[in-house]
Amino acid sequence: MTARGSDRRPGPNPTSQAPPRNTDPGHSPSEAPTISHTHSSAEDAEEVDADVLDAEQGDIAVTGGPRVAGRRGWVLLTVLTVVFAVVVGYLAGLLTPSLRTPGDTSPEAGFARDMSTHHAQAVEMAMIAWQKVTDPEVKELAYDIATGQQAQIGVMSTWLVDWHLQPTGGHPKMAWMPDGAQSLRPDGLMPGMATDAQLQQLRTATGGPADILFCQLMIRHHLGGIHMADAVLPLTHNRQVIDLATAIRRGQQNEITNFTAVLTRLGAKPLGS
């Protein structure tokens, strides 16, 4: 009996926490803690899953109600904002420039046509002068005018093609300008343009007289060109036209300064108005 008592395993440490007691008579005491713990975990997991499902169902219910309405409201607001921006862009001509192409009677078309004609005479005079003037500075100015203004004629011709307009219109010269009728000379020439007699005089002049006459004619011609460039600027919102008119005004004003200096050096003065 003593030996059997010596084989008995010691009881649980009284300081350790005893596992919860299973009152189910169908299970042994040694198995009770494990089975009881497993059963509790399963129940907890089921409760957690149920809570998650309830939350998801609640979210779905909310989404199907006020949340959807709120989202639709934001979508509608975004669509209206985009439509408003497109309308404003259309009215401002920012998004549909092709729909605002200058028409046949527009200031842009009139400027392109009349300035091209004006430039063509300047190129003609420059080519005449370049072949016969003797002053190196005058010869260089003639070359710059011939090449520069011919290039600008090409730019304006391209505009008219892009705008589906003819190179010449059916309206009087400078009709696109507020004071166009008053600006035309009695002989029908645009401001600053040389007469046929003056062109012939330039063709026959030689040496120093040719230098002086070319400078005098070009100063007057440039003043007429600047007048036309100034006239179109407040009448157009076309960026290409604005840029070219500004460049013409700046370039011809600089050349007037150079021509005036040459005349002073040669002992001559500009022609009267």
C-alpha atoms as a PDB file:
ATOM      1  CA  MET A   1       0.000   0.000   0.000  1.00  0.00           C
ATOM      2  CA  THR A   2       2.888   2.217   0.743  1.00  0.00           C
ATOM      3  CA  ALA A   3       4.421   1.424  -2.641  1.00  0.00           C
ATOM      4  CA  ARG A   4       1.230   2.240  -4.451  1.00  0.00           C
ATOM      5  CA  GLY A   5       1.047   5.470  -2.529  1.00  0.00           C
ATOM      6  CA  SER A   6       4.605   6.286  -3.621  1.00  0.00           C
ATOM      7  CA  ASP A   7       3.618   5.915  -7.312  1.00  0.00           C
ATOM      8  CA  ARG A   8       0.845   8.480  -7.010  1.00  0.00           C
ATOM      9  CA  ARG A   9       1.473  11.618  -9.019  1.00  0.00           C
ATOM     10  CA  PRO A  10       1.564  14.868  -7.097  1.00  0.00           C
ATOM     11  CA  GLY A  11      -1.506  17.103  -7.354  1.00  0.00           C
ATOM     12  CA  PRO A  12      -1.620  20.438  -9.080  1.00  0.00           C
ATOM     13  CA  ASN A  13       0.334  23.323  -7.710  1.00  0.00           C
ATOM     14  CA  PRO A  14      -2.045  25.168  -5.396  1.00  0.00           C
ATOM     15  CA  THR A  15      -0.516  28.464  -6.521  1.00  0.00           C
ATOM     16  CA  SER A  16      -1.397  27.870 -10.197  1.00  0.00           C
ATOM     17  CA  GLN A  17      -4.839  28.770 -11.539  1.00  0.00           C
ATOM     18  CA  ALA A  18      -7.075  25.776 -11.982  1.00  0.00           C
ATOM     19  CA  PRO A  19      -8.737  25.335 -15.371  1.00  0.00           C
ATOM     20  CA  PRO A  20     -12.477  25.878 -15.467  1.00  0.00           C
ATOM     21  CA  ARG A  21     -14.381  22.853 -14.301  1.00  0.00           C
ATOM     22  CA  ASN A  22     -16.537  21.018 -16.766  1.00  0.00           C
ATOM     23  CA  THR A  23     -19.792  19.929 -15.297  1.00  0.00           C
ATOM     24  CA  ASP A  24     -20.677  17.700 -18.213  1.00  0.00           C
ATOM     25  CA  PRO A  25     -20.893  14.162 -16.768  1.00  0.00           C
ATOM     26  CA  GLY A  26     -20.048  12.626 -20.129  1.00  0.00           C
ATOM     27  CA  HIS A  27     -16.447  13.802 -20.135  1.00  0.00           C
ATOM     28  CA  SER A  28     -13.479  12.948 -17.963  1.00  0.00           C
ATOM     29  CA  PRO A  29     -11.858  15.670 -15.846  1.00  0.00           C
ATOM     30  CA  SER A  30      -8.605  15.511 -17.821  1.00  0.00           C
ATOM     31  CA  GLU A  31     -10.394  16.234 -21.098  1.00  0.00           C
ATOM     32  CA  ALA A  32     -12.747  18.862 -19.794  1.00  0.00           C
ATOM     33  CA  PRO A  33     -10.444  21.923 -20.004  1.00  0.00           C
ATOM     34  CA  THR A  34      -9.458  21.224 -23.622  1.00  0.00           C
ATOM     35  CA  ILE A  35     -12.974  20.565 -24.845  1.00  0.00           C
ATOM     36  CA  SER A  36     -14.364  23.503 -22.910  1.00  0.00           C
ATOM     37  CA  HIS A  37     -11.663  25.866 -24.338  1.00  0.00           C
ATOM     38  CA  THR A  38     -12.266  24.714 -27.924  1.00  0.00           C
ATOM     39  CA  HIS A  39     -15.986  25.151 -27.596  1.00  0.00           C
ATOM     40  CA  SER A  40     -15.532  28.692 -26.262  1.00  0.00           C
ATOM     41  CA  SER A  41     -13.222  29.683 -29.170  1.00  0.00           C
ATOM     42  CA  ALA A  42     -15.695  28.442 -31.739  1.00  0.00           C
ATOM     43  CA  GLU A  43     -18.478  30.398 -30.137  1.00  0.00           C
ATOM     44  CA  ASP A  44     -16.330  33.515 -30.019  1.00  0.00           C
ATOM     45  CA  ALA A  45     -15.401  33.119 -33.670  1.00  0.00           C
ATOM     46  CA  GLU A  46     -19.039  32.692 -34.584  1.00  0.00           C
ATOM     47  CA  GLU A  47     -19.905  35.821 -32.639  1.00  0.00           C
ATOM     48  CA  VAL A  48     -17.107  37.777 -34.382  1.00  0.00           C
ATOM     49  CA  ASP A  49     -18.225  36.550 -37.805  1.00  0.00           C
ATOM     50  CA  ALA A  50     -21.771  37.514 -37.004  1.00  0.00           C
ATOM     51  CA  ASP A  51     -20.665  40.980 -35.946  1.00  0.00           C
ATOM     52  CA  VAL A  52     -18.651  41.435 -39.153  1.00  0.00           C
ATOM     53  CA  LEU A  53     -21.567  40.206 -41.235  1.00  0.00           C
ATOM     54  CA  ASP A  54     -23.933  42.580 -39.449  1.00  0.00           C
ATOM     55  CA  ALA A  55     -21.510  45.451 -40.047  1.00  0.00           C
ATOM     56  CA  GLU A  56     -21.183  44.558 -43.728  1.00  0.00           C
ATOM     57  CA  GLN A  57     -24.932  44.262 -44.094  1.00  0.00           C
ATOM     58  CA  GLY A  58     -25.323  47.567 -42.351  1.00  0.00           C
ATOM     59  CA  ASP A  59     -22.774  49.121 -44.666  1.00  0.00           C
ATOM     60  CA  ILE A  60     -24.606  47.721 -47.653  1.00  0.00           C
ATOM     61  CA  ALA A  61     -27.854  49.052 -46.313  1.00  0.00           C
ATOM     62  CA  VAL A  62     -26.350  52.471 -45.764  1.00  0.00           C
ATOM     63  CA  THR A  63     -24.708  52.393 -49.177  1.00  0.00           C
ATOM     64  CA  GLY A  64     -27.986  51.593 -50.784  1.00  0.00           C
ATOM     65  CA  GLY A  65     -29.589  54.556 -49.077  1.00  0.00           C
ATOM     66  CA  PRO A  66     -28.125  57.923 -48.106  1.00  0.00           C
ATOM     67  CA  ARG A  67     -24.541  57.016 -49.061  1.00  0.00           C
ATOM     68  CA  VAL A  68     -25.541  56.293 -52.671  1.00  0.00           C
ATOM     69  CA  ALA A  69     -27.525  59.488 -52.769  1.00  0.00           C
ATOM     70  CA  GLY A  70     -24.511  61.430 -51.485  1.00  0.00           C
ATOM     71  CA  ARG A  71     -22.212  59.824 -54.019  1.00  0.00           C
ATOM     72  CA  ARG A  72     -24.635  60.531 -56.830  1.00  0.00           C
ATOM     73  CA  GLY A  73     -24.816  64.119 -55.674  1.00  0.00           C
ATOM     74  CA  TRP A  74     -21.037  64.484 -55.952  1.00  0.00           C
ATOM     75  CA  VAL A  75     -21.049  62.887 -59.406  1.00  0.00           C
ATOM     76  CA  LEU A  76     -23.784  65.242 -60.546  1.00  0.00           C
ATOM     77  CA  LEU A  77     -21.891  68.218 -59.144  1.00  0.00           C
ATOM     78  CA  THR A  78     -18.706  67.127 -60.952  1.00  0.00           C
ATOM     79  CA  VAL A  79     -20.552  66.714 -64.252  1.00  0.00           C
ATOM     80  CA  LEU A  80     -22.149  70.144 -63.915  1.00  0.00           C
ATOM     81  CA  THR A  81     -18.769  71.688 -63.136  1.00  0.00           C
ATOM     82  CA  VAL A  82     -17.218  70.145 -66.248  1.00  0.00           C
ATOM     83  CA  VAL A  83     -20.123  71.275 -68.422  1.00  0.00           C
ATOM     84  CA  PHE A  84     -19.837  74.794 -67.028  1.00  0.00           C
ATOM     85  CA  ALA A  85     -16.102  74.876 -67.751  1.00  0.00           C
ATOM     86  CA  VAL A  86     -16.679  73.705 -71.319  1.00  0.00           C
ATOM     87  CA  VAL A  87     -19.327  76.364 -71.894  1.00  0.00           C
ATOM     88  CA  VAL A  88     -17.090  79.082 -70.486  1.00  0.00           C
ATOM     89  CA  GLY A  89     -14.182  77.824 -72.599  1.00  0.00           C
ATOM     90  CA  TYR A  90     -16.365  77.848 -75.690  1.00  0.00           C
ATOM     91  CA  LEU A  91     -17.556  81.386 -75.061  1.00  0.00           C
ATOM     92  CA  ALA A  92     -14.010  82.553 -74.425  1.00  0.00           C
ATOM     93  CA  GLY A  93     -12.771  80.873 -77.588  1.00  0.00           C
ATOM     94  CA  LEU A  94     -10.171  78.890 -75.640  1.00  0.00           C
ATOM     95  CA  LEU A  95     -11.354  75.376 -76.420  1.00  0.00           C
ATOM     96  CA  THR A  96     -12.882  75.888 -79.867  1.00  0.00           C
ATOM     97  CA  PRO A  97     -10.607  78.238 -81.801  1.00  0.00           C
ATOM     98  CA  SER A  98     -11.581  76.560 -85.064  1.00  0.00           C
ATOM     99  CA  LEU A  99     -15.188  77.631 -84.501  1.00  0.00           C
ATOM    100  CA  ARG A 100     -14.045  81.249 -84.261  1.00  0.00           C
ATOM    101  CA  THR A 101     -11.985  81.331 -87.444  1.00  0.00           C
ATOM    102  CA  PRO A 102     -11.838  84.887 -88.826  1.00  0.00           C
ATOM    103  CA  GLY A 103     -14.420  85.537 -91.522  1.00  0.00           C
ATOM    104  CA  ASP A 104     -14.105  87.262 -94.869  1.00  0.00           C
ATOM    105  CA  THR A 105     -14.925  90.714 -93.465  1.00  0.00           C
ATOM    106  CA  SER A 106     -13.019  90.311 -90.204  1.00  0.00           C
ATOM    107  CA  PRO A 107     -10.222  92.677 -89.156  1.00  0.00           C
ATOM    108  CA  GLU A 108      -7.820  89.729 -89.213  1.00  0.00           C
ATOM    109  CA  ALA A 109      -8.580  88.904 -92.842  1.00  0.00           C
ATOM    110  CA  GLY A 110      -8.469  92.557 -93.865  1.00  0.00           C
ATOM    111  CA  PHE A 111      -5.170  93.068 -92.088  1.00  0.00           C
ATOM    112  CA  ALA A 112      -3.621  89.983 -93.704  1.00  0.00           C
ATOM    113  CA  ARG A 113      -4.682  91.026 -97.186  1.00  0.00           C
ATOM    114  CA  ASP A 114      -3.832  94.726 -96.958  1.00  0.00           C
ATOM    115  CA  MET A 115      -0.557  94.232 -95.125  1.00  0.00           C
ATOM    116  CA  SER A 116       0.497  91.631 -97.683  1.00  0.00           C
ATOM    117  CA  THR A 117      -0.115  94.164-100.460  1.00  0.00           C
ATOM    118  CA  HIS A 118       1.727  96.820 -98.485  1.00  0.00           C
ATOM    119  CA  HIS A 119       4.646  94.456 -97.844  1.00  0.00           C
ATOM    120  CA  ALA A 120       4.816  93.452-101.505  1.00  0.00           C
ATOM    121  CA  GLN A 121       5.665  97.005-102.557  1.00  0.00           C
ATOM    122  CA  ALA A 122       8.304  97.256 -99.832  1.00  0.00           C
ATOM    123  CA  VAL A 123       9.909  94.046-101.117  1.00  0.00           C
ATOM    124  CA  GLU A 124       9.838  95.452-104.656  1.00  0.00           C
ATOM    125  CA  MET A 125      11.559  98.681-103.630  1.00  0.00           C
ATOM    126  CA  ALA A 126      14.106  96.800-101.542  1.00  0.00           C
ATOM    127  CA  MET A 127      15.029  94.548-104.454  1.00  0.00           C
ATOM    128  CA  ILE A 128      15.474  97.574-106.732  1.00  0.00           C
ATOM    129  CA  ALA A 129      17.634  99.348-104.166  1.00  0.00           C
ATOM    130  CA  TRP A 130      19.735  96.308-103.274  1.00  0.00           C
ATOM    131  CA  GLN A 131      20.990  96.065-106.853  1.00  0.00           C
ATOM    132  CA  LYS A 132      22.091  99.699-107.189  1.00  0.00           C
ATOM    133  CA  VAL A 133      22.694 101.449-103.848  1.00  0.00           C
ATOM    134  CA  THR A 134      26.306 102.116-102.872  1.00  0.00           C
ATOM    135  CA  ASP A 135      26.077 102.654 -99.116  1.00  0.00           C
ATOM    136  CA  PRO A 136      26.801  99.334 -97.299  1.00  0.00           C
ATOM    137  CA  GLU A 137      24.328 100.076 -94.508  1.00  0.00           C
ATOM    138  CA  VAL A 138      21.568 100.934 -96.968  1.00  0.00           C
ATOM    139  CA  LYS A 139      22.312  97.773 -98.933  1.00  0.00           C
ATOM    140  CA  GLU A 140      22.033  95.683 -95.756  1.00  0.00           C
ATOM    141  CA  LEU A 141      18.738  97.370 -94.806  1.00  0.00           C
ATOM    142  CA  ALA A 142      17.376  96.655 -98.282  1.00  0.00           C
ATOM    143  CA  TYR A 143      18.326  92.992 -97.960  1.00  0.00           C
ATOM    144  CA  ASP A 144      16.674  92.705 -94.537  1.00  0.00           C
ATOM    145  CA  ILE A 145      13.445  94.264 -95.792  1.00  0.00           C
ATOM    146  CA  ALA A 146      13.281  92.071 -98.900  1.00  0.00           C
ATOM    147  CA  THR A 147      13.790  88.827 -97.013  1.00  0.00           C
ATOM    148  CA  GLY A 148      11.939  89.719 -93.807  1.00  0.00           C
ATOM    149  CA  GLN A 149       8.782  91.149 -95.316  1.00  0.00           C
ATOM    150  CA  GLN A 150       8.584  88.421 -97.940  1.00  0.00           C
ATOM    151  CA  ALA A 151       8.608  85.887 -95.123  1.00  0.00           C
ATOM    152  CA  GLN A 152       5.813  87.773 -93.363  1.00  0.00           C
ATOM    153  CA  ILE A 153       3.783  87.740 -96.583  1.00  0.00           C
ATOM    154  CA  GLY A 154       4.126  83.955 -96.529  1.00  0.00           C
ATOM    155  CA  VAL A 155       2.842  83.831 -92.958  1.00  0.00           C
ATOM    156  CA  MET A 156      -0.225  85.943 -93.742  1.00  0.00           C
ATOM    157  CA  SER A 157      -0.935  83.955 -96.910  1.00  0.00           C
ATOM    158  CA  THR A 158      -0.921  80.793 -94.820  1.00  0.00           C
ATOM    159  CA  TRP A 159      -3.450  82.333 -92.454  1.00  0.00           C
ATOM    160  CA  LEU A 160      -5.854  82.988 -95.293  1.00  0.00           C
ATOM    161  CA  VAL A 161      -5.481  79.421 -96.537  1.00  0.00           C
ATOM    162  CA  ASP A 162      -6.100  78.054 -93.033  1.00  0.00           C
ATOM    163  CA  TRP A 163      -9.136  80.298 -92.689  1.00  0.00           C
ATOM    164  CA  HIS A 164     -10.461  79.103 -96.086  1.00  0.00           C
ATOM    165  CA  LEU A 165     -10.402  82.657 -97.441  1.00  0.00           C
ATOM    166  CA  GLN A 166      -9.293  84.065-100.776  1.00  0.00           C
ATOM    167  CA  PRO A 167      -6.056  86.098-100.994  1.00  0.00           C
ATOM    168  CA  THR A 168      -8.105  89.111-102.036  1.00  0.00           C
ATOM    169  CA  GLY A 169     -11.520  90.111-100.769  1.00  0.00           C
ATOM    170  CA  GLY A 170     -14.426  91.938-102.327  1.00  0.00           C
ATOM    171  CA  HIS A 171     -14.266  94.901 -99.953  1.00  0.00           C
ATOM    172  CA  PRO A 172     -12.403  98.205-100.309  1.00  0.00           C
ATOM    173  CA  LYS A 173      -8.867  98.473 -98.968  1.00  0.00           C
ATOM    174  CA  MET A 174      -8.646  99.131 -95.243  1.00  0.00           C
ATOM    175  CA  ALA A 175     -12.428  98.765 -94.814  1.00  0.00           C
ATOM    176  CA  TRP A 176     -11.670  96.658 -91.725  1.00  0.00           C
ATOM    177  CA  MET A 177     -10.187  99.723 -89.970  1.00  0.00           C
ATOM    178  CA  PRO A 178     -12.419 102.200 -88.129  1.00  0.00           C
ATOM    179  CA  ASP A 179     -10.752 105.087 -90.018  1.00  0.00           C
ATOM    180  CA  GLY A 180      -9.924 103.078 -93.106  1.00  0.00           C
ATOM    181  CA  ALA A 181     -11.822 105.229 -95.573  1.00  0.00           C
ATOM    182  CA  GLN A 182     -10.157 108.373 -94.242  1.00  0.00           C
ATOM    183  CA  SER A 183      -6.718 106.777 -94.263  1.00  0.00           C
ATOM    184  CA  LEU A 184      -6.750 105.980 -97.978  1.00  0.00           C
ATOM    185  CA  ARG A 185      -5.045 108.533-100.154  1.00  0.00           C
ATOM    186  CA  PRO A 186      -6.958 110.303-102.949  1.00  0.00           C
ATOM    187  CA  ASP A 187      -5.209 108.066-105.484  1.00  0.00           C
ATOM    188  CA  GLY A 188      -6.530 104.999-103.653  1.00  0.00           C
ATOM    189  CA  LEU A 189      -3.143 103.940-102.257  1.00  0.00           C
ATOM    190  CA  MET A 190      -2.766 102.813 -98.674  1.00  0.00           C
ATOM    191  CA  PRO A 191      -0.784 105.035 -96.292  1.00  0.00           C
ATOM    192  CA  GLY A 192       2.928 105.206 -96.994  1.00  0.00           C
ATOM    193  CA  MET A 193       2.868 103.455-100.358  1.00  0.00           C
ATOM    194  CA  ALA A 194       4.964 104.895-103.165  1.00  0.00           C
ATOM    195  CA  THR A 195       3.376 106.124-106.369  1.00  0.00           C
ATOM    196  CA  ASP A 196       4.237 104.704-109.758  1.00  0.00           C
ATOM    197  CA  ALA A 197       6.240 107.850-110.479  1.00  0.00           C
ATOM    198  CA  GLN A 198       8.286 107.412-107.313  1.00  0.00           C
ATOM    199  CA  LEU A 199       8.970 103.768-108.120  1.00  0.00           C
ATOM    200  CA  GLN A 200      10.183 104.776-111.551  1.00  0.00           C
ATOM    201  CA  GLN A 201      12.386 107.444-110.004  1.00  0.00           C
ATOM    202  CA  LEU A 202      13.951 104.818-107.762  1.00  0.00           C
ATOM    203  CA  ARG A 203      14.608 102.547-110.720  1.00  0.00           C
ATOM    204  CA  THR A 204      16.496 105.253-112.576  1.00  0.00           C
ATOM    205  CA  ALA A 205      18.436 106.683-109.634  1.00  0.00           C
ATOM    206  CA  THR A 206      22.056 105.652-109.072  1.00  0.00           C
ATOM    207  CA  GLY A 207      24.778 106.117-106.480  1.00  0.00           C
ATOM    208  CA  GLY A 208      24.158 108.482-103.586  1.00  0.00           C
ATOM    209  CA  PRO A 209      20.768 109.752-104.871  1.00  0.00           C
ATOM    210  CA  ALA A 210      19.517 106.135-104.942  1.00  0.00           C
ATOM    211  CA  ASP A 211      20.650 105.633-101.330  1.00  0.00           C
ATOM    212  CA  ILE A 212      18.841 108.774-100.192  1.00  0.00           C
ATOM    213  CA  LEU A 213      15.647 108.173-102.161  1.00  0.00           C
ATOM    214  CA  PHE A 214      15.323 104.590-100.940  1.00  0.00           C
ATOM    215  CA  CYS A 215      15.725 105.694 -97.319  1.00  0.00           C
ATOM    216  CA  GLN A 216      13.158 108.449 -97.766  1.00  0.00           C
ATOM    217  CA  LEU A 217      10.596 106.212 -99.433  1.00  0.00           C
ATOM    218  CA  MET A 218      11.023 103.460 -96.866  1.00  0.00           C
ATOM    219  CA  ILE A 219      10.585 105.776 -93.884  1.00  0.00           C
ATOM    220  CA  ARG A 220       7.255 106.935 -95.278  1.00  0.00           C
ATOM    221  CA  HIS A 221       6.321 103.358 -96.207  1.00  0.00           C
ATOM    222  CA  HIS A 222       7.098 102.053 -92.724  1.00  0.00           C
ATOM    223  CA  LEU A 223       5.009 104.771 -91.083  1.00  0.00           C
ATOM    224  CA  GLY A 224       2.029 103.555 -93.097  1.00  0.00           C
ATOM    225  CA  GLY A 225       2.718  99.954 -92.096  1.00  0.00           C
ATOM    226  CA  ILE A 226       2.944 100.859 -88.415  1.00  0.00           C
ATOM    227  CA  HIS A 227      -0.396 102.663 -88.712  1.00  0.00           C
ATOM    228  CA  MET A 228      -2.022  99.467 -89.972  1.00  0.00           C
ATOM    229  CA  ALA A 229      -0.379  97.304 -87.304  1.00  0.00           C
ATOM    230  CA  ASP A 230      -1.579  99.663 -84.578  1.00  0.00           C
ATOM    231  CA  ALA A 231      -5.098  99.559 -86.017  1.00  0.00           C
ATOM    232  CA  VAL A 232      -5.500  95.772 -85.885  1.00  0.00           C
ATOM    233  CA  LEU A 233      -4.208  95.234 -82.343  1.00  0.00           C
ATOM    234  CA  PRO A 234      -7.313  96.476 -80.487  1.00  0.00           C
ATOM    235  CA  LEU A 235      -9.597  94.716 -82.979  1.00  0.00           C
ATOM    236  CA  THR A 236      -8.362  91.135 -82.624  1.00  0.00           C
ATOM    237  CA  HIS A 237      -7.886  88.436 -80.007  1.00  0.00           C
ATOM    238  CA  ASN A 238      -6.082  86.145 -82.434  1.00  0.00           C
ATOM    239  CA  ARG A 239      -2.683  85.452 -80.919  1.00  0.00           C
ATOM    240  CA  GLN A 240      -0.953  84.928 -84.270  1.00  0.00           C
ATOM    241  CA  VAL A 241      -2.206  88.246 -85.611  1.00  0.00           C
ATOM    242  CA  ILE A 242      -1.267  90.056 -82.404  1.00  0.00           C
ATOM    243  CA  ASP A 243       2.248  88.610 -82.429  1.00  0.00           C
ATOM    244  CA  LEU A 244       2.901  89.470 -86.072  1.00  0.00           C
ATOM    245  CA  ALA A 245       1.435  92.981 -85.841  1.00  0.00           C
ATOM    246  CA  THR A 246       3.564  93.632 -82.762  1.00  0.00           C
ATOM    247  CA  ALA A 247       6.678  92.336 -84.526  1.00  0.00           C
ATOM    248  CA  ILE A 248       5.949  94.476 -87.594  1.00  0.00           C
ATOM    249  CA  ARG A 249       5.529  97.597 -85.505  1.00  0.00           C
ATOM    250  CA  ARG A 250       8.705  96.986 -83.520  1.00  0.00           C
ATOM    251  CA  GLY A 251      10.833  95.996 -86.517  1.00  0.00           C
ATOM    252  CA  GLN A 252       9.742  98.844 -88.763  1.00  0.00           C
ATOM    253  CA  GLN A 253      10.183 101.413 -86.018  1.00  0.00           C
ATOM    254  CA  ASN A 254      13.764 100.229 -85.554  1.00  0.00           C
ATOM    255  CA  GLU A 255      14.373 100.481 -89.313  1.00  0.00           C
ATOM    256  CA  ILE A 256      12.937 104.005 -89.370  1.00  0.00           C
ATOM    257  CA  THR A 257      15.514 104.923 -86.752  1.00  0.00           C
ATOM    258  CA  ASN A 258      18.284 103.420 -88.872  1.00  0.00           C
ATOM    259  CA  PHE A 259      17.095 105.084 -92.092  1.00  0.00           C
ATOM    260  CA  THR A 260      16.875 108.446 -90.339  1.00  0.00           C
ATOM    261  CA  ALA A 261      20.437 108.071 -89.072  1.00  0.00           C
ATOM    262  CA  VAL A 262      21.640 107.219 -92.593  1.00  0.00           C
ATOM    263  CA  LEU A 263      19.918 110.293 -94.041  1.00  0.00           C
ATOM    264  CA  THR A 264      21.539 112.457 -91.388  1.00  0.00           C
ATOM    265  CA  ARG A 265      24.920 110.967 -92.236  1.00  0.00           C
ATOM    266  CA  LEU A 266      24.331 111.578 -95.960  1.00  0.00           C
ATOM    267  CA  GLY A 267      23.155 115.142 -95.332  1.00  0.00           C
ATOM    268  CA  ALA A 268      19.515 114.532 -96.272  1.00  0.00           C
ATOM    269  CA  LYS A 269      16.126 114.600 -94.527  1.00  0.00           C
ATOM    270  CA  PRO A 270      12.979 112.466 -94.627  1.00  0.00           C
ATOM    271  CA  LEU A 271      10.203 113.384 -97.050  1.00  0.00           C
ATOM    272  CA  GLY A 272       7.346 115.521 -95.801  1.00  0.00           C
ATOM    273  CA  SER A 273       4.113 113.916 -94.835  1.00  0.00           C
END
